C-alpha atoms as a PDB file:
ATOM      1  CA  MET A   1     -38.535  -5.244  -4.834  1.00  0.00           C
ATOM      2  CA  SER A   2     -38.489  -3.072  -1.647  1.00  0.00           C
ATOM      3  CA  GLY A   3     -35.063  -4.030   0.834  1.00  0.00           C
ATOM      4  CA  CYS A   4     -33.316  -5.347  -2.017  1.00  0.00           C
ATOM      5  CA  MET A   5     -30.055  -4.135  -1.726  1.00  0.00           C
ATOM      6  CA  SER A   6     -28.182  -3.315  -5.580  1.00  0.00           C
ATOM      7  CA  HIS A   7     -24.221  -3.730  -5.712  1.00  0.00           C
ATOM      8  CA  SER A   8     -22.290  -2.333  -7.817  1.00  0.00           C
ATOM      9  CA  ALA A   9     -19.275  -4.371  -9.440  1.00  0.00           C
ATOM     10  CA  PRO A  10     -15.734  -4.391  -7.689  1.00  0.00           C
ATOM     11  CA  GLU A  11     -13.429  -1.857  -8.909  1.00  0.00           C
ATOM     12  CA  PRO A  12     -10.667  -3.245 -11.001  1.00  0.00           C
ATOM     13  CA  ALA A  13      -7.098  -4.320  -9.519  1.00  0.00           C
ATOM     14  CA  PHE A  14      -5.321  -2.053 -11.566  1.00  0.00           C
ATOM     15  CA  ALA A  15      -5.938   1.060 -13.088  1.00  0.00           C
ATOM     16  CA  GLU A  16      -5.180   0.128 -16.844  1.00  0.00           C
ATOM     17  CA  PRO A  17      -5.070  -3.008 -18.638  1.00  0.00           C
ATOM     18  CA  TRP A  18      -1.344  -2.822 -19.104  1.00  0.00           C
ATOM     19  CA  HIS A  19      -0.580  -2.399 -15.074  1.00  0.00           C
ATOM     20  CA  ALA A  20      -2.093  -5.673 -14.865  1.00  0.00           C
ATOM     21  CA  GLN A  21      -0.308  -7.481 -17.834  1.00  0.00           C
ATOM     22  CA  LEU A  22       2.897  -5.966 -16.676  1.00  0.00           C
ATOM     23  CA  PHE A  23       2.511  -7.413 -13.167  1.00  0.00           C
ATOM     24  CA  ALA A  24       1.033 -10.713 -14.991  1.00  0.00           C
ATOM     25  CA  VAL A  25       4.794 -10.461 -16.952  1.00  0.00           C
ATOM     26  CA  THR A  26       6.487 -10.415 -13.769  1.00  0.00           C
ATOM     27  CA  VAL A  27       4.757 -12.586 -11.382  1.00  0.00           C
ATOM     28  CA  ALA A  28       5.435 -15.336 -14.400  1.00  0.00           C
ATOM     29  CA  LEU A  29       9.123 -14.548 -14.232  1.00  0.00           C
ATOM     30  CA  ASN A  30       9.561 -15.153 -11.210  1.00  0.00           C
ATOM     31  CA  GLU A  31       7.705 -18.348 -11.024  1.00  0.00           C
ATOM     32  CA  ALA A  32      10.047 -19.036 -13.459  1.00  0.00           C
ATOM     33  CA  GLY A  33      12.788 -19.101 -11.403  1.00  0.00           C
ATOM     34  CA  GLN A  34      14.502 -15.910 -13.251  1.00  0.00           C
ATOM     35  CA  PHE A  35      14.643 -13.949  -9.780  1.00  0.00           C
ATOM     36  CA  ASP A  36      13.814 -13.959  -6.585  1.00  0.00           C
ATOM     37  CA  TRP A  37      10.770 -11.881  -5.201  1.00  0.00           C
ATOM     38  CA  PRO A  38      12.820 -10.328  -2.606  1.00  0.00           C
ATOM     39  CA  ASP A  39      16.003  -9.307  -4.334  1.00  0.00           C
ATOM     40  CA  TRP A  40      12.390  -7.909  -6.461  1.00  0.00           C
ATOM     41  CA  ALA A  41      10.992  -5.919  -3.670  1.00  0.00           C
ATOM     42  CA  VAL A  42      14.644  -4.406  -2.787  1.00  0.00           C
ATOM     43  CA  ARG A  43      15.590  -2.884  -6.274  1.00  0.00           C
ATOM     44  CA  PHE A  44      11.565  -1.899  -6.965  1.00  0.00           C
ATOM     45  CA  SER A  45      12.026  -0.295  -3.138  1.00  0.00           C
ATOM     46  CA  GLN A  46      15.164   1.809  -4.569  1.00  0.00           C
ATOM     47  CA  THR A  47      13.793   2.367  -7.548  1.00  0.00           C
ATOM     48  CA  LEU A  48      10.617   4.279  -5.727  1.00  0.00           C
ATOM     49  CA  LYS A  49      12.674   5.954  -3.645  1.00  0.00           C
ATOM     50  CA  ARG A  50      15.010   6.843  -6.409  1.00  0.00           C
ATOM     51  CA  HIS A  51      12.090   8.721  -7.723  1.00  0.00           C
ATOM     52  CA  GLY A  52      11.025  10.835  -4.690  1.00  0.00           C
ATOM     53  CA  LEU A  53       7.813   8.474  -4.917  1.00  0.00           C
ATOM     54  CA  ASP A  54       8.163   7.239  -1.099  1.00  0.00           C
ATOM     55  CA  ARG A  55       4.879   7.711  -0.158  1.00  0.00           C
ATOM     56  CA  GLU A  56       1.944   5.270  -0.192  1.00  0.00           C
ATOM     57  CA  LEU A  57       0.841   5.198  -3.716  1.00  0.00           C
ATOM     58  CA  ASN A  58      -2.443   3.863  -5.101  1.00  0.00           C
ATOM     59  CA  GLY A  59      -1.084   1.563  -8.028  1.00  0.00           C
ATOM     60  CA  GLY A  60      -1.507   4.129 -10.806  1.00  0.00           C
ATOM     61  CA  SER A  61       0.865   4.998 -13.396  1.00  0.00           C
ATOM     62  CA  ASP A  62       3.548   6.650 -11.831  1.00  0.00           C
ATOM     63  CA  TYR A  63       3.816   3.579  -9.357  1.00  0.00           C
ATOM     64  CA  PHE A  64       3.981   1.046 -12.627  1.00  0.00           C
ATOM     65  CA  PHE A  65       6.513   2.618 -14.758  1.00  0.00           C
ATOM     66  CA  ALA A  66       8.545   2.350 -11.887  1.00  0.00           C
ATOM     67  CA  TRP A  67       7.614  -1.460 -11.648  1.00  0.00           C
ATOM     68  CA  LEU A  68       8.695  -1.551 -15.454  1.00  0.00           C
ATOM     69  CA  GLU A  69      11.813   0.687 -15.140  1.00  0.00           C
ATOM     70  CA  THR A  70      12.854  -2.390 -12.525  1.00  0.00           C
ATOM     71  CA  LEU A  71      11.732  -5.187 -14.132  1.00  0.00           C
ATOM     72  CA  GLU A  72      13.749  -3.782 -17.342  1.00  0.00           C
ATOM     73  CA  ALA A  73      16.817  -2.896 -15.170  1.00  0.00           C
ATOM     74  CA  LEU A  74      16.830  -6.323 -13.777  1.00  0.00           C
ATOM     75  CA  LEU A  75      16.819  -8.124 -16.398  1.00  0.00           C
ATOM     76  CA  GLU A  76      19.288  -6.189 -17.784  1.00  0.00           C
ATOM     77  CA  ASP A  77      21.426  -7.339 -14.765  1.00  0.00           C
ATOM     78  CA  GLN A  78      21.003 -10.665 -15.947  1.00  0.00           C
ATOM     79  CA  GLY A  79      22.098 -10.177 -19.426  1.00  0.00           C
ATOM     80  CA  ALA A  80      18.135 -11.578 -20.131  1.00  0.00           C
ATOM     81  CA  ALA A  81      17.610  -7.947 -22.065  1.00  0.00           C
ATOM     82  CA  SER A  82      19.948  -5.596 -23.369  1.00  0.00           C
ATOM     83  CA  SER A  83      19.052  -1.985 -22.722  1.00  0.00           C
ATOM     84  CA  ASN A  84      18.858  -1.425 -26.824  1.00  0.00           C
ATOM     85  CA  GLU A  85      17.345  -5.230 -27.195  1.00  0.00           C
ATOM     86  CA  VAL A  86      14.395  -3.154 -25.220  1.00  0.00           C
ATOM     87  CA  VAL A  87      14.260  -0.255 -27.022  1.00  0.00           C
ATOM     88  CA  GLU A  88      14.271  -1.972 -30.643  1.00  0.00           C
ATOM     89  CA  LEU A  89      11.507  -3.996 -29.338  1.00  0.00           C
ATOM     90  CA  ARG A  90       9.202  -1.198 -28.210  1.00  0.00           C
ATOM     91  CA  ASP A  91       9.611   0.909 -31.097  1.00  0.00           C
ATOM     92  CA  ALA A  92       8.921  -2.608 -33.456  1.00  0.00           C
ATOM     93  CA  TRP A  93       6.190  -3.127 -31.468  1.00  0.00           C
ATOM     94  CA  GLU A  94       4.800   0.834 -31.708  1.00  0.00           C
ATOM     95  CA  ASP A  95       5.565   0.969 -35.646  1.00  0.00           C
ATOM     96  CA  ALA A  96       3.642  -2.676 -35.662  1.00  0.00           C
ATOM     97  CA  TYR A  97       0.427  -0.893 -33.928  1.00  0.00           C
ATOM     98  CA  LEU A  98       0.613   1.945 -35.365  1.00  0.00           C
ATOM     99  CA  SER A  99       0.947   0.315 -39.367  1.00  0.00           C
ATOM    100  CA  THR A 100      -2.175  -1.935 -38.143  1.00  0.00           C
ATOM    101  CA  PRO A 101      -5.538  -1.115 -39.782  1.00  0.00           C
ATOM    102  CA  HIS A 102      -8.305  -0.922 -36.496  1.00  0.00           C
ATOM    103  CA  GLY A 103      -9.982  -3.926 -35.173  1.00  0.00           C
ATOM    104  CA  GLN A 104      -7.379  -6.384 -36.809  1.00  0.00           C
ATOM    105  CA  PRO A 105      -4.977  -7.905 -34.234  1.00  0.00           C
ATOM    106  CA  VAL A 106      -1.487  -6.213 -34.060  1.00  0.00           C
ATOM    107  CA  GLN A 107       1.544  -8.661 -34.751  1.00  0.00           C
ATOM    108  CA  LEU A 108       5.387  -7.715 -35.103  1.00  0.00           C
ATOM    109  CA  ASN A 109       7.068  -9.144 -38.283  1.00  0.00           C
ATOM    110  CA  GLY A 110       7.902 -12.636 -38.484  1.00  0.00           C
ATOM    111  CA  GLU A 111       4.840 -13.648 -36.181  1.00  0.00           C
END
């Protein structure tokens, strides 16, 4: 058909799946009343400034690593998860991932 315009699919809102997952977890914790969003915004801004990321970011991994650092610190400050617990859980997931056959769902021991 002449005159028909082709449209490409919209770009994803997140560059990596883990960016979207981290965002979703943060929103879910906020909606569950674990923290107030204004407090979150102040903390996240401080993390970005501490890392020298005071320029406008495009939502890449540097931005989401700062986001993760902020969330982990917030949960630790609240007593919800100590840094040791976070490291232990991260290591357990890595071990589970590395020992799971390709194509199989990754599960932690005891799940």
